[in-house]
């Protein structure tokens, strides 16, 4: 009678499962948009923000910008100092 090694079988099954779940190594990523701020590609499945006035903004830019920086860069807004513009 042969001894059956349950742990060895579980390791083989886990390896097969991991290989099956892994993304293909040579998979082509489909470029969908280009970030209007940094010019990096936004690929299928990537998170981004669509801004009517300036296009798409990638998640890296969104995470790295303050609201003020975003308004100045993406929305082309200007800041001013209160009371210095003749009002």
Protein backbone atom coordinates (compact mmCIF):
# COMPACT_ATOMS: atom_id res chain seq x y z
CA UNK A 1 0.00 0.00 0.00
CA UNK A 2 1.31 3.48 -0.92
CA UNK A 3 1.50 6.30 1.57
CA UNK A 4 -0.37 9.40 0.45
CA UNK A 5 1.29 12.71 1.36
CA UNK A 6 -1.56 15.18 1.84
CA UNK A 7 0.75 18.19 2.32
CA UNK A 8 2.59 17.55 -0.93
CA UNK A 9 -0.69 17.32 -2.80
CA UNK A 10 -1.93 20.55 -1.20
CA UNK A 11 1.27 22.36 -2.25
CA UNK A 12 0.86 21.18 -5.84
CA UNK A 13 -2.77 22.23 -5.85
CA UNK A 14 -1.88 25.66 -4.42
CA UNK A 15 0.83 26.14 -7.07
CA UNK A 16 -1.59 25.23 -9.86
CA UNK A 17 -4.22 27.57 -8.43
CA UNK A 18 -1.73 30.46 -8.12
CA UNK A 19 -0.55 29.96 -11.70
CA UNK A 20 -4.13 29.88 -12.93
CA UNK A 21 -5.05 33.10 -11.07
CA UNK A 22 -1.92 35.02 -12.07
CA UNK A 23 -2.14 37.57 -14.85
CA UNK A 24 -0.49 36.52 -18.09
CA UNK A 25 3.10 37.75 -18.25
CA UNK A 26 2.89 38.94 -21.82
CA UNK A 27 -0.53 40.56 -21.56
CA UNK A 28 -0.85 43.74 -23.57
CA UNK A 29 -2.32 46.62 -21.60
CA UNK A 30 -4.81 48.65 -23.60
CA UNK A 31 -4.13 52.38 -23.40
CA UNK A 32 -7.45 54.17 -23.10
CA UNK A 33 -6.51 57.77 -22.25
CA UNK A 34 -3.53 60.04 -21.65
CA UNK A 35 -3.37 62.14 -18.48
CA UNK A 36 -3.80 65.80 -19.37
CA UNK A 37 -1.51 66.89 -16.52
CA UNK A 38 1.50 64.55 -16.64
CA UNK A 39 1.11 62.86 -20.02
CA UNK A 40 1.25 59.32 -18.60
CA UNK A 41 -0.92 56.64 -20.14
CA UNK A 42 -4.16 55.59 -18.46
CA UNK A 43 -4.70 51.91 -19.16
CA UNK A 44 -7.84 49.82 -19.19
CA UNK A 45 -8.89 49.23 -15.57
CA UNK A 46 -6.97 52.23 -14.17
CA UNK A 47 -8.76 54.76 -12.01
CA UNK A 48 -8.94 58.30 -13.42
CA UNK A 49 -10.97 61.50 -13.20
CA UNK A 50 -12.73 62.86 -16.28
CA UNK A 51 -12.76 66.66 -16.21
CA UNK A 52 -14.99 68.34 -18.80
CA UNK A 53 -12.70 71.29 -19.41
CA UNK A 54 -9.35 69.53 -19.63
CA UNK A 55 -9.74 65.79 -20.22
CA UNK A 56 -8.67 62.86 -18.10
CA UNK A 57 -6.44 62.99 -15.01
CA UNK A 58 -4.64 59.85 -13.77
CA UNK A 59 -4.89 58.59 -10.20
CA UNK A 60 -1.23 59.40 -9.48
CA UNK A 61 -1.82 63.08 -10.25
CA UNK A 62 -5.02 63.12 -8.23
CA UNK A 63 -3.31 61.61 -5.20
CA UNK A 64 -0.35 63.97 -5.43
CA UNK A 65 -2.20 67.26 -5.85
CA UNK A 66 -3.92 69.46 -3.32
CA UNK A 67 -7.28 70.95 -4.29
CA UNK A 68 -5.52 74.28 -4.92
CA UNK A 69 -2.86 72.68 -7.14
CA UNK A 70 -5.54 70.81 -9.07
CA UNK A 71 -7.60 73.99 -9.59
CA UNK A 72 -4.56 75.88 -10.83
CA UNK A 73 -3.22 73.10 -13.08
CA UNK A 74 -6.29 71.34 -14.44
CA UNK A 75 -8.97 74.00 -14.28
CA UNK A 76 -6.68 76.88 -15.20
CA UNK A 77 -8.03 78.99 -12.35
CA UNK A 78 -6.13 81.90 -10.86
CA UNK A 79 -5.72 82.86 -7.24
CA UNK A 80 -5.92 86.39 -5.95
CA UNK A 81 -5.50 88.28 -2.70
CA UNK A 82 -8.60 89.74 -1.07
CA UNK A 83 -8.85 93.50 -1.26
CA UNK A 84 -6.07 93.97 -3.81
CA UNK A 85 -8.11 93.93 -7.00
CA UNK A 86 -9.98 97.22 -6.57
CA UNK A 87 -12.95 95.93 -4.61
